[in-house]
Protein backbone atom coordinates (compact mmCIF):
# COMPACT_ATOMS: atom_id res chain seq x y z
CA MET A 1 21.72 6.26 -8.15
CA GLY A 2 18.28 6.93 -9.10
CA LYS A 3 15.34 7.86 -6.56
CA ARG A 4 13.22 4.10 -5.89
CA THR A 5 8.99 5.43 -6.48
CA LEU A 6 7.10 3.27 -3.57
CA PRO A 7 5.37 0.21 -4.80
CA MET A 8 0.94 1.93 -4.93
CA LEU A 9 -1.43 -0.88 -3.91
CA ILE A 10 -4.70 -1.46 -4.98
CA CYS A 11 -7.09 -2.43 -1.94
CA LEU A 12 -8.86 -6.12 -3.35
CA GLY A 13 -10.05 -7.06 0.28
CA ASN A 14 -10.23 -6.66 4.31
CA GLU A 15 -12.07 -8.98 5.75
CA GLY A 16 -11.17 -8.62 9.25
CA TYR A 17 -9.04 -5.55 8.50
CA GLU A 18 -12.81 -3.50 8.05
CA THR A 19 -11.48 -0.23 10.20
CA SER A 20 -7.67 -0.29 9.46
CA LEU A 21 -7.87 -0.72 4.80
CA GLU A 22 -10.91 0.60 2.76
CA LEU A 23 -11.53 -1.91 0.02
CA ARG A 24 -10.87 -0.18 -3.85
CA LYS A 25 -8.50 2.60 -2.25
CA LEU A 26 -4.42 2.75 -3.45
CA TYR A 27 -1.91 2.39 -0.16
CA ILE A 28 2.07 3.31 -0.33
CA ALA A 29 3.87 -0.09 0.08
CA LEU A 30 7.15 1.06 2.14
CA GLU A 31 9.86 -2.17 1.26
CA ASP A 32 9.80 -4.71 4.15
CA GLU A 33 11.83 -7.83 3.13
CA ASP A 34 11.08 -9.38 5.95
CA ALA A 35 7.60 -8.91 5.81
CA ALA A 36 7.50 -10.16 2.04
CA LYS A 37 9.19 -13.45 2.60
CA HIS A 38 6.36 -14.21 5.13
CA LYS A 39 3.73 -13.07 2.13
CA LEU A 40 2.51 -9.35 4.11
CA VAL A 41 2.74 -6.50 2.84
CA ARG A 42 3.72 -3.47 4.75
CA VAL A 43 1.39 -0.26 4.06
CA ILE A 44 0.12 3.36 5.46
CA ASP A 45 -3.57 2.84 6.64
CA GLU A 46 -6.49 5.04 7.78
CA SER A 47 -4.65 5.75 11.08
CA GLY A 48 -1.80 7.23 8.68
CA GLU A 49 0.80 4.62 10.52
CA ASP A 50 2.31 2.20 8.98
CA TYR A 51 1.35 -1.59 9.45
CA LEU A 52 1.62 -4.93 8.29
CA TYR A 53 -1.18 -6.70 6.39
CA PRO A 54 -0.97 -10.50 4.80
CA SER A 55 -0.48 -9.60 0.81
CA ASN A 56 -3.18 -11.67 -0.94
CA LEU A 57 -5.54 -8.26 0.21
CA PHE A 58 -3.93 -6.12 -2.32
CA SER A 59 -2.62 -5.99 -5.94
CA ALA A 60 0.55 -4.05 -7.55
CA ILE A 61 -1.49 -1.05 -9.75
CA GLU A 62 1.05 1.06 -11.86
CA VAL A 63 0.03 4.40 -11.32
CA PRO A 64 0.62 7.46 -14.13
CA PRO A 65 3.98 10.35 -12.27
CA ARG A 66 0.93 13.45 -12.51
CA ILE A 67 -1.65 11.08 -10.55
CA ARG A 68 1.14 9.38 -8.37
CA ARG A 69 1.78 13.54 -7.62
CA ALA A 70 -1.34 13.85 -6.63
CA ILE A 71 -2.13 11.33 -4.88
CA LEU A 72 0.91 11.73 -2.29
CA GLN A 73 0.30 15.48 -1.97
CA THR A 74 -3.43 14.01 0.08
CA ALA A 75 -1.80 11.72 1.88
C-alpha cells in the first residue's frame, strides 16, 4: 500500500481565528473523518498544534512534490 499524502489547504478566511490562522497561508490538513462529518477540518495552525476549524475557511490546493517537500521542511 502506498504512502498517503496529507492534503494541503490554503486559508481563505480567518474571521474569529485571526491569531490562529493567517490568510493565504498553506496549512497541512490531518485526516479526521468525524470532523469532516461536522464540516470541520483538522489543521496544524500557528501554534504548531492541530485544531479543528470550519472547513469553509479553507480550500484544498494541489502542490507540486518539490514545493511540498520545501514547505514540509520548514513546517
